[in-house]
């Protein structure tokens, strides 16, 4: 049991959203961009890796948000996901509110096995307020 008295869940699968913090997005804008990435990457996994998707669904869909501070870092992680054949989606803003059209904002990675995703995002810090 965890310190709060609840049973601690273990997860073999997760989805990670990598958000750019250098853009200065408002909290609402960031939330929407993360939502876009989560949904699009999950849909990709459902099609390309249905076994991963189903196991992730069964485990209650663990999600984590981490941060990077540049477009270069975000695109490097996207390339790693491509090379490792992990479902992913790079969200580019439509430019209707805060950002220039086409600005890369968030990379959704997975759902996939933890050890596979950790090869890409395992060293990144959790997104802070």
Protein backbone atom coordinates (compact mmCIF):
# COMPACT_ATOMS: atom_id res chain seq x y z
CA UNK A 1 0.00 0.00 0.00
CA UNK A 2 1.05 3.57 -0.60
CA UNK A 3 1.53 6.01 2.31
CA UNK A 4 -2.04 7.31 1.90
CA UNK A 5 -3.45 3.82 2.46
CA UNK A 6 -4.49 3.16 -1.13
CA UNK A 7 -3.34 0.23 -3.20
CA UNK A 8 -0.58 1.28 -5.55
CA UNK A 9 -1.17 0.46 -9.21
CA UNK A 10 1.61 -0.72 -11.45
CA UNK A 11 1.67 0.08 -15.13
CA UNK A 12 3.49 -1.62 -18.00
CA UNK A 13 2.25 0.90 -20.60
CA UNK A 14 2.00 4.67 -20.71
CA UNK A 15 1.60 7.66 -22.95
CA UNK A 16 3.86 10.69 -22.65
CA UNK A 17 3.18 14.18 -23.90
CA UNK A 18 6.26 16.36 -24.41
CA UNK A 19 5.39 20.05 -24.17
CA UNK A 20 7.49 23.03 -25.22
CA UNK A 21 7.84 25.50 -22.36
CA UNK A 22 9.74 28.11 -24.38
CA UNK A 23 6.56 29.25 -26.13
CA UNK A 24 4.97 30.80 -23.04
CA UNK A 25 1.57 29.27 -23.80
CA UNK A 26 -1.24 30.07 -21.38
CA UNK A 27 -2.43 27.19 -19.17
CA UNK A 28 -5.55 26.76 -21.27
CA UNK A 29 -3.64 26.74 -24.55
CA UNK A 30 -1.18 24.19 -23.18
CA UNK A 31 -4.03 21.97 -21.94
CA UNK A 32 -5.64 21.94 -25.37
CA UNK A 33 -2.37 21.19 -27.15
CA UNK A 34 -1.67 18.30 -24.76
CA UNK A 35 -5.20 16.99 -25.36
CA UNK A 36 -4.69 17.13 -29.13
CA UNK A 37 -1.41 15.19 -28.81
CA UNK A 38 -2.87 12.59 -26.46
CA UNK A 39 -5.87 11.85 -28.65
CA UNK A 40 -3.98 11.81 -31.96
CA UNK A 41 -1.15 9.59 -30.67
CA UNK A 42 -3.64 7.19 -29.04
CA UNK A 43 -5.57 6.91 -32.30
CA UNK A 44 -2.34 6.16 -34.11
CA UNK A 45 -1.47 3.45 -31.57
CA UNK A 46 -4.98 1.97 -31.85
CA UNK A 47 -4.38 1.50 -35.57
CA UNK A 48 -0.66 0.67 -35.70
CA UNK A 49 -0.16 -1.16 -32.39
CA UNK A 50 -3.57 -2.40 -31.25
CA UNK A 51 -2.07 -4.79 -28.70
CA UNK A 52 -0.28 -1.88 -26.96
CA UNK A 53 -3.39 0.28 -27.13
CA UNK A 54 -5.63 -2.42 -25.62
CA UNK A 55 -3.24 -3.15 -22.74
CA UNK A 56 -2.93 0.58 -22.02
CA UNK A 57 -6.73 0.89 -21.96
CA UNK A 58 -6.97 -2.08 -19.57
CA UNK A 59 -4.41 -0.42 -17.26
CA UNK A 60 -6.46 2.79 -17.00
CA UNK A 61 -4.44 4.84 -19.54
CA UNK A 62 -1.44 6.20 -17.66
CA UNK A 63 -0.39 9.59 -19.03
CA UNK A 64 2.60 11.78 -18.16
CA UNK A 65 3.47 15.31 -19.29
CA UNK A 66 7.13 16.29 -19.53
CA UNK A 67 8.84 19.38 -20.86
CA UNK A 68 11.46 20.54 -23.33
CA UNK A 69 12.63 24.07 -24.00
CA UNK A 70 13.00 24.19 -27.78
CA UNK A 71 11.58 23.13 -31.11
CA UNK A 72 14.89 21.41 -31.87
CA UNK A 73 14.52 19.16 -28.81
CA UNK A 74 10.92 18.34 -29.68
CA UNK A 75 11.78 17.40 -33.26
CA UNK A 76 14.73 15.29 -32.11
CA UNK A 77 12.37 13.29 -29.90
CA UNK A 78 9.94 12.93 -32.79
CA UNK A 79 12.77 11.46 -34.89
CA UNK A 80 13.61 9.01 -32.10
CA UNK A 81 9.98 7.86 -31.97
CA UNK A 82 10.03 7.35 -35.75
CA UNK A 83 13.26 5.34 -35.57
CA UNK A 84 11.90 3.14 -32.77
CA UNK A 85 8.54 2.70 -34.56
CA UNK A 86 6.55 4.02 -31.60
CA UNK A 87 3.20 5.65 -32.37
CA UNK A 88 3.47 9.41 -31.98
CA UNK A 89 1.97 12.69 -33.11
CA UNK A 90 3.57 16.13 -33.32
CA UNK A 91 0.93 18.82 -32.83
CA UNK A 92 1.36 22.01 -34.83
CA UNK A 93 -0.82 24.93 -33.79
CA UNK A 94 -3.47 26.25 -36.15
CA UNK A 95 -2.54 29.82 -35.24
CA UNK A 96 -6.02 30.98 -34.27
CA UNK A 97 -5.13 32.42 -30.87
CA UNK A 98 -1.67 32.69 -29.31
CA UNK A 99 0.84 31.23 -31.75
CA UNK A 100 1.93 31.50 -35.36
CA UNK A 101 0.30 28.89 -37.62
CA UNK A 102 2.36 25.72 -37.85
CA UNK A 103 4.21 26.19 -34.54
CA UNK A 104 5.13 22.74 -33.11
CA UNK A 105 3.82 22.66 -29.53
CA UNK A 106 3.48 19.13 -28.11
CA UNK A 107 4.65 15.65 -29.08
CA UNK A 108 2.43 12.76 -28.01
CA UNK A 109 4.34 9.47 -27.67
CA UNK A 110 2.55 6.17 -27.28
CA UNK A 111 0.81 4.49 -25.66
CA UNK A 112 3.60 1.95 -25.66
CA UNK A 113 5.53 -0.20 -23.20
CA UNK A 114 7.24 1.88 -20.52
CA UNK A 115 10.74 0.72 -21.45
CA UNK A 116 10.22 1.72 -25.09
CA UNK A 117 8.90 5.19 -24.25
CA UNK A 118 11.62 5.72 -21.65
CA UNK A 119 14.22 5.40 -24.43
CA UNK A 120 12.78 8.65 -25.78
CA UNK A 121 11.43 10.60 -22.80
CA UNK A 122 12.88 8.90 -19.72
CA UNK A 123 15.38 11.68 -18.94
CA UNK A 124 12.97 14.60 -19.34
CA UNK A 125 11.62 16.53 -16.35
CA UNK A 126 7.94 16.53 -15.48
CA UNK A 127 6.12 19.66 -16.60
CA UNK A 128 6.04 22.16 -13.75
CA UNK A 129 3.57 24.98 -13.16
